[in-house]
Amino acid sequence: MARQLKRKISAAKRARNYGRQRIYGTKRFVDPFPGIHGTLPEKMVYAELTRLGIPFYFLNDIRFQFPEIDLDKEFQADFIIPSIKLIIEVQGAYFHSMAKSIESDAYKFAIYEAGGYKVLAWWDFDIIARLHELVTASPELLSIARPGNRSDSTELTPLKRTKVDTSKGIRTLNTRRKRPKAPTGGRRSLRKSKSSYLR
């Protein structure tokens, strides 16, 4: 009975992994810029824009002032391509599908467009599954692509950044987290330490 249950579980696990491979592809993304902060989809877009030789600002603050309606707002855009006045926003499916986020994103994109920018909002799962298709679907990006003229990075010098490394707090928590002590006794203390660690 236990053996049959184990087979069913492993079959379900294999099916789940196969589904992941179909969604994310069998190739793994190798980060060519490990020193750059960002999520996996942001890093994929960063690498693709660099590969194409497109100059851009990454995680840069952009300010919009409309004195007619007394509006002065500053936002942090994921990718700003100033030569064609284009902003690429990487949207995480979980956070950006919440009601509050949908409303604030619509407001932000309306301000971007009122400021003369075109906005491309790319979902993270789309970037992971088919980034090349997203880039080729945008004729503006292809018109300024210069793949042969690229350096190590085509990121422009940041104008202003209010947020540089958002994962610093997570790293601090991980370093402060207590590690389980190594067992000093025989087999019994080893079993006890493993079980207490799993709780």
N, C-alpha and C. Protein backbone atom coordinates (compact mmCIF):
# COMPACT_ATOMS: atom_id res chain seq x y z
N MET A 1 0.83 -1.21 0.00
CA MET A 1 0.00 0.00 0.00
C MET A 1 0.87 1.26 0.00
N ALA A 2 1.88 1.28 0.88
CA ALA A 2 2.75 2.45 0.97
C ALA A 2 3.53 2.64 -0.32
N ARG A 3 3.92 1.52 -0.95
CA ARG A 3 4.67 1.60 -2.20
C ARG A 3 3.81 2.20 -3.32
N GLN A 4 2.51 1.79 -3.38
CA GLN A 4 1.61 2.34 -4.40
C GLN A 4 1.39 3.83 -4.19
N LEU A 5 1.24 4.24 -2.92
CA LEU A 5 1.06 5.66 -2.62
C LEU A 5 2.29 6.45 -3.03
N LYS A 6 3.47 5.87 -2.75
CA LYS A 6 4.71 6.53 -3.13
C LYS A 6 4.80 6.70 -4.64
N ARG A 7 4.38 5.68 -5.39
CA ARG A 7 4.40 5.77 -6.86
C ARG A 7 3.46 6.86 -7.36
N LYS A 8 2.26 6.95 -6.75
CA LYS A 8 1.30 7.97 -7.15
C LYS A 8 1.85 9.37 -6.89
N ILE A 9 2.48 9.54 -5.71
CA ILE A 9 3.03 10.85 -5.37
C ILE A 9 4.15 11.22 -6.33
N SER A 10 5.03 10.27 -6.61
CA SER A 10 6.14 10.58 -7.51
C SER A 10 5.63 10.86 -8.93
N ALA A 11 4.56 10.18 -9.36
CA ALA A 11 3.98 10.45 -10.68
C ALA A 11 3.39 11.85 -10.73
N ALA A 12 2.72 12.23 -9.63
CA ALA A 12 2.16 13.59 -9.57
C ALA A 12 3.27 14.63 -9.58
N LYS A 13 4.36 14.32 -8.86
CA LYS A 13 5.49 15.24 -8.82
C LYS A 13 6.11 15.40 -10.20
N ARG A 14 6.27 14.28 -10.92
CA ARG A 14 6.83 14.33 -12.27
C ARG A 14 5.93 15.15 -13.20
N ALA A 15 4.62 14.97 -13.09
CA ALA A 15 3.68 15.72 -13.93
C ALA A 15 3.78 17.21 -13.64
N ARG A 16 3.92 17.56 -12.34
CA ARG A 16 4.02 18.97 -11.98
C ARG A 16 5.31 19.57 -12.54
N ASN A 17 6.41 18.83 -12.44
CA ASN A 17 7.68 19.32 -12.98
C ASN A 17 7.62 19.44 -14.49
N TYR A 18 6.94 18.49 -15.16
CA TYR A 18 6.81 18.56 -16.61
C TYR A 18 6.03 19.80 -17.01
N GLY A 19 4.98 20.14 -16.23
CA GLY A 19 4.21 21.35 -16.51
C GLY A 19 5.06 22.59 -16.37
N ARG A 20 5.94 22.60 -15.36
CA ARG A 20 6.82 23.74 -15.18
C ARG A 20 7.77 23.88 -16.37
N GLN A 21 8.29 22.75 -16.84
CA GLN A 21 9.22 22.81 -17.98
C GLN A 21 8.51 23.34 -19.21
N ARG A 22 7.24 22.97 -19.38
CA ARG A 22 6.51 23.47 -20.55
C ARG A 22 6.27 24.96 -20.44
N ILE A 23 6.00 25.45 -19.22
CA ILE A 23 5.74 26.88 -19.06
C ILE A 23 7.03 27.68 -19.19
N TYR A 24 8.07 27.26 -18.47
CA TYR A 24 9.29 28.04 -18.42
C TYR A 24 10.32 27.65 -19.47
N GLY A 25 10.07 26.59 -20.21
CA GLY A 25 11.05 26.15 -21.20
C GLY A 25 12.11 25.29 -20.54
N THR A 26 12.81 24.54 -21.31
CA THR A 26 13.82 23.65 -20.74
C THR A 26 15.14 24.37 -20.53
N LYS A 27 15.37 25.46 -21.22
CA LYS A 27 16.61 26.21 -21.03
C LYS A 27 16.51 27.05 -19.78
N ARG A 28 17.60 27.08 -19.02
CA ARG A 28 17.64 27.93 -17.83
C ARG A 28 18.32 29.23 -18.19
N PHE A 29 17.84 30.32 -17.62
CA PHE A 29 18.42 31.63 -17.85
C PHE A 29 19.69 31.75 -17.02
N VAL A 30 20.79 32.09 -17.68
CA VAL A 30 22.05 32.32 -16.99
C VAL A 30 22.24 33.83 -16.96
N ASP A 31 22.32 34.39 -15.75
CA ASP A 31 22.39 35.83 -15.57
C ASP A 31 23.77 36.36 -15.99
N PRO A 32 23.83 37.15 -17.09
CA PRO A 32 25.12 37.69 -17.50
C PRO A 32 25.58 38.88 -16.66
N PHE A 33 24.68 39.44 -15.84
CA PHE A 33 25.01 40.59 -15.00
C PHE A 33 24.64 40.28 -13.55
N PRO A 34 25.39 39.42 -12.86
CA PRO A 34 25.01 39.05 -11.49
C PRO A 34 25.09 40.20 -10.50
N GLY A 35 25.84 41.24 -10.81
CA GLY A 35 25.96 42.38 -9.89
C GLY A 35 24.79 43.34 -9.96
N ILE A 36 23.91 43.18 -10.94
CA ILE A 36 22.75 44.07 -11.09
C ILE A 36 21.61 43.54 -10.24
N HIS A 37 21.01 44.43 -9.46
CA HIS A 37 19.89 44.05 -8.61
C HIS A 37 18.61 43.99 -9.44
N GLY A 38 17.77 43.01 -9.15
CA GLY A 38 16.48 42.93 -9.82
C GLY A 38 15.89 41.54 -9.73
N THR A 39 14.62 41.42 -10.09
CA THR A 39 13.97 40.12 -10.13
C THR A 39 14.40 39.38 -11.38
N LEU A 40 14.08 38.10 -11.47
CA LEU A 40 14.46 37.31 -12.64
C LEU A 40 13.90 37.91 -13.94
N PRO A 41 12.61 38.25 -14.01
CA PRO A 41 12.11 38.85 -15.26
C PRO A 41 12.78 40.18 -15.60
N GLU A 42 13.06 41.01 -14.58
CA GLU A 42 13.75 42.28 -14.83
C GLU A 42 15.15 42.02 -15.38
N LYS A 43 15.83 41.04 -14.81
CA LYS A 43 17.18 40.73 -15.28
C LYS A 43 17.15 40.18 -16.71
N MET A 44 16.10 39.43 -17.04
CA MET A 44 15.99 38.90 -18.40
C MET A 44 15.79 40.03 -19.41
N VAL A 45 14.95 41.00 -19.06
CA VAL A 45 14.74 42.15 -19.95
C VAL A 45 16.02 42.97 -20.04
N TYR A 46 16.69 43.15 -18.92
CA TYR A 46 17.96 43.89 -18.88
C TYR A 46 18.96 43.24 -19.84
N ALA A 47 19.10 41.93 -19.76
CA ALA A 47 20.05 41.21 -20.62
C ALA A 47 19.65 41.30 -22.09
N GLU A 48 18.35 41.24 -22.36
CA GLU A 48 17.89 41.29 -23.76
C GLU A 48 18.11 42.68 -24.36
N LEU A 49 17.81 43.73 -23.61
CA LEU A 49 18.03 45.09 -24.11
C LEU A 49 19.52 45.34 -24.34
N THR A 50 20.35 44.81 -23.44
CA THR A 50 21.79 44.95 -23.60
C THR A 50 22.27 44.19 -24.83
N ARG A 51 21.75 42.98 -25.02
CA ARG A 51 22.13 42.17 -26.19
C ARG A 51 21.78 42.88 -27.49
N LEU A 52 20.65 43.58 -27.48
CA LEU A 52 20.22 44.30 -28.69
C LEU A 52 20.90 45.65 -28.84
N GLY A 53 21.66 46.08 -27.86
CA GLY A 53 22.36 47.36 -27.95
C GLY A 53 21.44 48.57 -27.80
N ILE A 54 20.36 48.42 -27.05
CA ILE A 54 19.41 49.51 -26.85
C ILE A 54 19.76 50.26 -25.57
N PRO A 55 20.09 51.57 -25.64
CA PRO A 55 20.41 52.31 -24.41
C PRO A 55 19.16 52.55 -23.56
N PHE A 56 19.29 52.32 -22.24
CA PHE A 56 18.13 52.43 -21.36
C PHE A 56 18.56 52.85 -19.96
N TYR A 57 17.58 53.35 -19.18
CA TYR A 57 17.74 53.58 -17.76
C TYR A 57 17.03 52.44 -17.05
N PHE A 58 17.63 51.92 -15.99
CA PHE A 58 17.05 50.80 -15.26
C PHE A 58 16.72 51.24 -13.84
N LEU A 59 15.48 50.97 -13.41
CA LEU A 59 14.99 51.34 -12.08
C LEU A 59 15.34 52.79 -11.74
N ASN A 60 14.96 53.67 -12.63
CA ASN A 60 15.29 55.09 -12.48
C ASN A 60 14.02 55.88 -12.16
N ASP A 61 14.18 56.91 -11.34
CA ASP A 61 13.04 57.76 -11.02
C ASP A 61 12.77 58.70 -12.19
N ILE A 62 11.49 58.92 -12.44
CA ILE A 62 11.09 59.83 -13.50
C ILE A 62 10.00 60.75 -12.92
N ARG A 63 10.15 62.03 -13.18
CA ARG A 63 9.25 63.02 -12.58
C ARG A 63 8.37 63.63 -13.66
N PHE A 64 7.10 63.78 -13.32
CA PHE A 64 6.13 64.40 -14.23
C PHE A 64 5.50 65.60 -13.54
N GLN A 65 5.56 66.74 -14.22
CA GLN A 65 4.97 67.96 -13.69
C GLN A 65 3.96 68.51 -14.69
N PHE A 66 2.74 68.70 -14.22
CA PHE A 66 1.69 69.30 -15.03
C PHE A 66 1.13 70.49 -14.25
N PRO A 67 1.67 71.71 -14.49
CA PRO A 67 1.22 72.87 -13.70
C PRO A 67 -0.24 73.24 -13.94
N GLU A 68 -0.77 72.88 -15.12
CA GLU A 68 -2.18 73.22 -15.42
C GLU A 68 -3.14 72.57 -14.43
N ILE A 69 -2.81 71.36 -14.00
CA ILE A 69 -3.70 70.66 -13.06
C ILE A 69 -3.06 70.49 -11.68
N ASP A 70 -1.96 71.22 -11.46
CA ASP A 70 -1.26 71.21 -10.18
C ASP A 70 -0.86 69.78 -9.77
N LEU A 71 -0.16 69.10 -10.69
CA LEU A 71 0.28 67.74 -10.45
C LEU A 71 1.80 67.65 -10.56
N ASP A 72 2.42 67.13 -9.54
CA ASP A 72 3.87 66.92 -9.52
C ASP A 72 4.11 65.54 -8.91
N LYS A 73 4.37 64.54 -9.76
CA LYS A 73 4.53 63.16 -9.30
C LYS A 73 5.85 62.59 -9.75
N GLU A 74 6.41 61.72 -8.92
CA GLU A 74 7.64 61.02 -9.26
C GLU A 74 7.40 59.52 -9.12
N PHE A 75 7.79 58.76 -10.15
CA PHE A 75 7.62 57.32 -10.15
C PHE A 75 8.96 56.67 -10.44
N GLN A 76 9.08 55.40 -10.04
CA GLN A 76 10.27 54.64 -10.43
C GLN A 76 9.86 53.66 -11.52
N ALA A 77 10.37 53.89 -12.72
CA ALA A 77 10.06 53.04 -13.86
C ALA A 77 11.10 51.94 -13.95
N ASP A 78 10.67 50.76 -14.39
CA ASP A 78 11.61 49.64 -14.52
C ASP A 78 12.64 49.91 -15.61
N PHE A 79 12.18 50.22 -16.82
CA PHE A 79 13.08 50.50 -17.94
C PHE A 79 12.58 51.74 -18.68
N ILE A 80 13.45 52.73 -18.83
CA ILE A 80 13.12 53.93 -19.61
C ILE A 80 14.06 53.96 -20.80
N ILE A 81 13.48 54.04 -21.99
CA ILE A 81 14.28 54.16 -23.21
C ILE A 81 14.02 55.56 -23.75
N PRO A 82 14.91 56.52 -23.44
CA PRO A 82 14.63 57.93 -23.74
C PRO A 82 14.64 58.26 -25.22
N SER A 83 15.39 57.52 -26.03
CA SER A 83 15.49 57.87 -27.45
C SER A 83 14.16 57.72 -28.18
N ILE A 84 13.31 56.81 -27.74
CA ILE A 84 12.01 56.64 -28.39
C ILE A 84 10.85 56.93 -27.42
N LYS A 85 11.17 57.49 -26.23
CA LYS A 85 10.17 57.82 -25.21
C LYS A 85 9.27 56.62 -24.92
N LEU A 86 9.92 55.54 -24.48
CA LEU A 86 9.22 54.29 -24.19
C LEU A 86 9.57 53.85 -22.77
N ILE A 87 8.57 53.36 -22.04
CA ILE A 87 8.77 52.81 -20.70
C ILE A 87 8.29 51.38 -20.70
N ILE A 88 9.14 50.48 -20.21
CA ILE A 88 8.76 49.07 -20.06
C ILE A 88 8.60 48.79 -18.58
N GLU A 89 7.42 48.34 -18.21
CA GLU A 89 7.14 47.98 -16.81
C GLU A 89 7.00 46.47 -16.72
N VAL A 90 7.74 45.85 -15.82
CA VAL A 90 7.65 44.41 -15.58
C VAL A 90 6.62 44.20 -14.47
N GLN A 91 5.54 43.51 -14.81
CA GLN A 91 4.42 43.34 -13.89
C GLN A 91 4.45 41.94 -13.28
N GLY A 92 4.61 41.85 -11.98
CA GLY A 92 4.50 40.56 -11.29
C GLY A 92 3.04 40.15 -11.24
N ALA A 93 2.75 38.93 -11.65
CA ALA A 93 1.36 38.48 -11.76
C ALA A 93 0.62 38.51 -10.43
N TYR A 94 1.30 38.18 -9.35
CA TYR A 94 0.62 38.15 -8.05
C TYR A 94 0.28 39.56 -7.58
N PHE A 95 1.29 40.40 -7.45
CA PHE A 95 1.08 41.72 -6.86
C PHE A 95 0.26 42.64 -7.77
N HIS A 96 0.55 42.64 -9.06
CA HIS A 96 -0.10 43.59 -9.96
C HIS A 96 -1.49 43.15 -10.42
N SER A 97 -1.98 42.01 -9.93
CA SER A 97 -3.36 41.63 -10.25
C SER A 97 -4.31 41.91 -9.09
N MET A 98 -3.80 42.50 -8.01
CA MET A 98 -4.66 42.90 -6.89
C MET A 98 -5.40 44.18 -7.26
N ALA A 99 -6.57 44.37 -6.67
CA ALA A 99 -7.43 45.51 -7.02
C ALA A 99 -6.73 46.85 -6.84
N LYS A 100 -6.04 47.03 -5.70
CA LYS A 100 -5.35 48.30 -5.45
C LYS A 100 -4.26 48.55 -6.48
N SER A 101 -3.51 47.50 -6.81
CA SER A 101 -2.41 47.63 -7.76
C SER A 101 -2.92 47.93 -9.16
N ILE A 102 -4.03 47.33 -9.55
CA ILE A 102 -4.59 47.57 -10.88
C ILE A 102 -4.95 49.05 -11.01
N GLU A 103 -5.56 49.60 -9.97
CA GLU A 103 -5.95 51.01 -9.99
C GLU A 103 -4.73 51.93 -10.02
N SER A 104 -3.73 51.65 -9.18
CA SER A 104 -2.55 52.52 -9.14
C SER A 104 -1.73 52.40 -10.43
N ASP A 105 -1.67 51.19 -11.02
CA ASP A 105 -0.97 51.02 -12.30
C ASP A 105 -1.65 51.80 -13.42
N ALA A 106 -2.99 51.76 -13.45
CA ALA A 106 -3.73 52.50 -14.47
C ALA A 106 -3.47 54.00 -14.34
N TYR A 107 -3.43 54.49 -13.11
CA TYR A 107 -3.15 55.91 -12.86
C TYR A 107 -1.74 56.27 -13.31
N LYS A 108 -0.78 55.42 -12.93
CA LYS A 108 0.62 55.66 -13.29
C LYS A 108 0.81 55.63 -14.81
N PHE A 109 0.20 54.65 -15.48
CA PHE A 109 0.35 54.56 -16.94
C PHE A 109 -0.31 55.75 -17.65
N ALA A 110 -1.41 56.26 -17.09
CA ALA A 110 -2.07 57.43 -17.67
C ALA A 110 -1.15 58.66 -17.56
N ILE A 111 -0.45 58.79 -16.44
CA ILE A 111 0.49 59.91 -16.27
C ILE A 111 1.66 59.75 -17.23
N TYR A 112 2.18 58.53 -17.38
CA TYR A 112 3.27 58.28 -18.33
C TYR A 112 2.86 58.72 -19.74
N GLU A 113 1.66 58.32 -20.14
CA GLU A 113 1.20 58.65 -21.50
C GLU A 113 0.93 60.14 -21.65
N ALA A 114 0.42 60.78 -20.59
CA ALA A 114 0.21 62.23 -20.64
C ALA A 114 1.54 62.97 -20.74
N GLY A 115 2.60 62.37 -20.22
CA GLY A 115 3.93 62.95 -20.30
C GLY A 115 4.63 62.67 -21.62
N GLY A 116 3.95 61.97 -22.53
CA GLY A 116 4.51 61.73 -23.85
C GLY A 116 5.23 60.40 -24.02
N TYR A 117 5.12 59.50 -23.05
CA TYR A 117 5.76 58.20 -23.13
C TYR A 117 4.77 57.12 -23.54
N LYS A 118 5.26 56.15 -24.29
CA LYS A 118 4.46 54.97 -24.59
C LYS A 118 4.83 53.93 -23.53
N VAL A 119 3.84 53.18 -23.06
CA VAL A 119 4.08 52.22 -21.99
C VAL A 119 3.85 50.80 -22.49
N LEU A 120 4.83 49.93 -22.21
CA LEU A 120 4.67 48.51 -22.45
C LEU A 120 4.68 47.82 -21.10
N ALA A 121 3.57 47.19 -20.73
CA ALA A 121 3.48 46.45 -19.46
C ALA A 121 3.58 44.98 -19.80
N TRP A 122 4.69 44.36 -19.39
CA TRP A 122 4.93 42.94 -19.67
C TRP A 122 4.78 42.14 -18.39
N TRP A 123 3.97 41.06 -18.44
CA TRP A 123 3.79 40.19 -17.29
C TRP A 123 5.03 39.33 -17.11
N ASP A 124 5.34 39.02 -15.86
CA ASP A 124 6.54 38.23 -15.55
C ASP A 124 6.52 36.85 -16.20
N PHE A 125 5.35 36.17 -16.22
CA PHE A 125 5.29 34.84 -16.81
C PHE A 125 5.46 34.90 -18.33
N ASP A 126 5.02 36.00 -18.96
CA ASP A 126 5.25 36.18 -20.40
C ASP A 126 6.73 36.39 -20.70
N ILE A 127 7.40 37.15 -19.85
CA ILE A 127 8.82 37.41 -20.04
C ILE A 127 9.61 36.10 -19.93
N ILE A 128 9.28 35.29 -18.93
CA ILE A 128 9.99 34.03 -18.74
C ILE A 128 9.73 33.07 -19.90
N ALA A 129 8.50 33.03 -20.38
CA ALA A 129 8.15 32.06 -21.42
C ALA A 129 8.49 32.52 -22.83
N ARG A 130 8.36 33.83 -23.12
CA ARG A 130 8.50 34.24 -24.52
C ARG A 130 8.98 35.70 -24.66
N LEU A 131 10.11 35.99 -24.06
CA LEU A 131 10.64 37.35 -24.08
C LEU A 131 10.95 37.81 -25.51
N HIS A 132 11.52 36.93 -26.31
CA HIS A 132 11.89 37.31 -27.68
C HIS A 132 10.66 37.76 -28.48
N GLU A 133 9.54 37.07 -28.28
CA GLU A 133 8.29 37.45 -28.98
C GLU A 133 7.80 38.83 -28.53
N LEU A 134 7.93 39.12 -27.24
CA LEU A 134 7.51 40.43 -26.74
C LEU A 134 8.34 41.55 -27.36
N VAL A 135 9.64 41.31 -27.47
CA VAL A 135 10.52 42.34 -28.04
C VAL A 135 10.24 42.51 -29.53
N THR A 136 10.09 41.42 -30.26
CA THR A 136 9.85 41.54 -31.70
C THR A 136 8.46 42.08 -32.01
N ALA A 137 7.54 42.00 -31.07
CA ALA A 137 6.20 42.57 -31.29
C ALA A 137 6.19 44.09 -31.16
N SER A 138 7.29 44.67 -30.71
CA SER A 138 7.39 46.11 -30.55
C SER A 138 8.31 46.69 -31.62
N PRO A 139 7.74 47.29 -32.68
CA PRO A 139 8.57 47.82 -33.76
C PRO A 139 9.48 48.97 -33.33
N GLU A 140 9.07 49.72 -32.28
CA GLU A 140 9.91 50.82 -31.79
C GLU A 140 11.24 50.29 -31.27
N LEU A 141 11.18 49.19 -30.52
CA LEU A 141 12.41 48.61 -29.98
C LEU A 141 13.32 48.09 -31.09
N LEU A 142 12.72 47.43 -32.06
CA LEU A 142 13.53 46.87 -33.15
C LEU A 142 14.15 47.97 -34.01
N SER A 143 13.48 49.12 -34.09
CA SER A 143 14.00 50.20 -34.93
C SER A 143 15.30 50.80 -34.38
N ILE A 144 15.52 50.72 -33.06
CA ILE A 144 16.75 51.30 -32.49
C ILE A 144 17.75 50.23 -32.07
N ALA A 145 17.43 48.95 -32.31
CA ALA A 145 18.34 47.87 -31.91
C ALA A 145 19.60 47.90 -32.76
N ARG A 146 20.74 47.81 -32.11
CA ARG A 146 22.04 47.76 -32.76
C ARG A 146 22.86 46.65 -32.11
N PRO A 147 22.57 45.38 -32.44
CA PRO A 147 23.22 44.27 -31.75
C PRO A 147 24.74 44.26 -31.86
N GLY A 148 25.30 44.75 -32.94
CA GLY A 148 26.75 44.74 -33.11
C GLY A 148 27.46 45.82 -32.31
N ASN A 149 26.75 46.88 -31.94
CA ASN A 149 27.37 48.03 -31.28
C ASN A 149 27.23 47.99 -29.76
N ARG A 150 27.13 46.81 -29.18
CA ARG A 150 26.90 46.75 -27.74
C ARG A 150 28.21 46.66 -26.98
N SER A 151 28.19 47.21 -25.77
CA SER A 151 29.32 47.04 -24.86
C SER A 151 28.89 46.02 -23.81
N ASP A 152 29.56 45.95 -22.68
CA ASP A 152 29.14 45.02 -21.63
C ASP A 152 27.75 45.36 -21.11
N SER A 153 27.43 46.62 -21.06
CA SER A 153 26.10 47.04 -20.62
C SER A 153 25.75 48.34 -21.31
N THR A 154 24.52 48.44 -21.76
CA THR A 154 24.08 49.67 -22.41
C THR A 154 23.24 50.51 -21.46
N GLU A 155 23.26 50.16 -20.17
CA GLU A 155 22.50 50.94 -19.20
C GLU A 155 23.11 52.33 -19.10
N LEU A 156 22.26 53.33 -19.24
CA LEU A 156 22.72 54.71 -19.13
C LEU A 156 23.00 55.04 -17.66
N THR A 157 23.84 56.02 -17.43
CA THR A 157 24.13 56.44 -16.06
C THR A 157 22.84 56.92 -15.41
N PRO A 158 22.49 56.37 -14.24
CA PRO A 158 21.22 56.72 -13.62
C PRO A 158 21.11 58.21 -13.33
N LEU A 159 19.94 58.77 -13.60
CA LEU A 159 19.69 60.17 -13.28
C LEU A 159 19.43 60.30 -11.78
N LYS A 160 18.50 59.51 -11.26
CA LYS A 160 18.17 59.54 -9.84
C LYS A 160 17.51 58.22 -9.49
N ARG A 161 17.96 57.63 -8.40
CA ARG A 161 17.35 56.40 -7.91
C ARG A 161 17.03 56.57 -6.44
N THR A 162 15.79 56.30 -6.07
CA THR A 162 15.44 56.34 -4.65
C THR A 162 15.56 54.96 -4.04
N LYS A 163 15.48 53.93 -4.86
CA LYS A 163 15.52 52.56 -4.36
C LYS A 163 16.58 51.82 -5.15
N VAL A 164 17.60 51.36 -4.47
CA VAL A 164 18.69 50.69 -5.18
C VAL A 164 18.63 49.19 -4.96
N ASP A 165 18.60 48.73 -3.71
CA ASP A 165 18.61 47.31 -3.43
C ASP A 165 17.50 46.99 -2.44
N THR A 166 16.40 46.46 -2.93
CA THR A 166 15.26 46.19 -2.05
C THR A 166 15.40 44.86 -1.33
N SER A 167 16.36 44.04 -1.70
CA SER A 167 16.51 42.74 -1.04
C SER A 167 17.44 42.81 0.17
N LYS A 168 17.91 44.00 0.54
CA LYS A 168 18.83 44.15 1.66
C LYS A 168 18.18 43.67 2.96
N GLY A 169 16.93 43.99 3.16
CA GLY A 169 16.24 43.56 4.37
C GLY A 169 16.13 42.05 4.47
N ILE A 170 15.88 41.39 3.35
CA ILE A 170 15.78 39.93 3.34
C ILE A 170 17.13 39.32 3.67
N ARG A 171 18.19 39.86 3.09
CA ARG A 171 19.53 39.33 3.37
C ARG A 171 19.88 39.51 4.84
N THR A 172 19.49 40.65 5.44
CA THR A 172 19.77 40.90 6.86
C THR A 172 19.03 39.88 7.71
N LEU A 173 17.76 39.62 7.39
CA LEU A 173 17.00 38.63 8.14
C LEU A 173 17.63 37.26 8.05
N ASN A 174 18.08 36.88 6.87
CA ASN A 174 18.69 35.56 6.69
C ASN A 174 19.98 35.42 7.48
N THR A 175 20.76 36.49 7.61
CA THR A 175 22.00 36.40 8.38
C THR A 175 21.73 36.36 9.87
N ARG A 176 20.63 36.93 10.32
CA ARG A 176 20.30 36.94 11.75
C ARG A 176 19.57 35.66 12.18
N ARG A 177 19.05 34.91 11.22
CA ARG A 177 18.30 33.70 11.55
C ARG A 177 19.20 32.69 12.24
N LYS A 178 18.69 32.06 13.31
CA LYS A 178 19.50 31.11 14.08
C LYS A 178 19.62 29.79 13.32
N ARG A 179 20.82 29.27 13.31
CA ARG A 179 21.09 27.98 12.69
C ARG A 179 20.96 26.89 13.75
N PRO A 180 20.51 25.70 13.38
CA PRO A 180 20.44 24.62 14.37
C PRO A 180 21.83 24.18 14.80
N LYS A 181 21.96 23.85 16.07
CA LYS A 181 23.26 23.44 16.59
C LYS A 181 23.57 22.02 16.11
N ALA A 182 24.83 21.77 15.90
CA ALA A 182 25.27 20.43 15.48
C ALA A 182 25.11 19.49 16.66
N PRO A 183 24.64 18.26 16.41
CA PRO A 183 24.46 17.30 17.50
C PRO A 183 25.81 16.86 18.06
N THR A 184 25.86 16.66 19.38
CA THR A 184 27.11 16.26 20.03
C THR A 184 27.08 14.81 20.48
N GLY A 185 25.90 14.23 20.66
CA GLY A 185 25.78 12.86 21.18
C GLY A 185 25.72 11.83 20.07
N GLY A 186 25.10 10.69 20.40
CA GLY A 186 25.00 9.57 19.46
C GLY A 186 23.82 9.71 18.51
N ARG A 187 23.29 8.55 18.08
CA ARG A 187 22.20 8.53 17.09
C ARG A 187 20.93 9.18 17.61
N ARG A 188 20.66 8.97 18.90
CA ARG A 188 19.42 9.51 19.46
C ARG A 188 19.41 11.03 19.41
N SER A 189 20.50 11.68 19.77
CA SER A 189 20.55 13.14 19.74
C SER A 189 20.51 13.65 18.30
N LEU A 190 21.06 12.88 17.36
CA LEU A 190 20.99 13.27 15.96
C LEU A 190 19.55 13.25 15.48
N ARG A 191 18.80 12.16 15.83
CA ARG A 191 17.40 12.08 15.45
C ARG A 191 16.60 13.22 16.07
N LYS A 192 16.88 13.51 17.33
CA LYS A 192 16.15 14.56 18.04
C LYS A 192 16.43 15.92 17.42
N SER A 193 17.68 16.19 17.06
CA SER A 193 18.00 17.50 16.49
C SER A 193 17.36 17.66 15.11
N LYS A 194 17.30 16.60 14.32
CA LYS A 194 16.66 16.69 13.01
C LYS A 194 15.17 16.97 13.15
N SER A 195 14.52 16.23 14.07
CA SER A 195 13.09 16.40 14.22
C SER A 195 12.74 17.79 14.76
N SER A 196 13.55 18.32 15.66
CA SER A 196 13.26 19.65 16.20
C SER A 196 13.47 20.73 15.14
N TYR A 197 14.40 20.48 14.20
CA TYR A 197 14.65 21.43 13.13
C TYR A 197 13.49 21.50 12.15
N LEU A 198 12.82 20.35 11.95
CA LEU A 198 11.74 20.28 10.98
C LEU A 198 10.46 20.90 11.49
N ARG A 199 10.31 21.11 12.78
CA ARG A 199 9.06 21.67 13.32
C ARG A 199 8.90 23.13 13.00
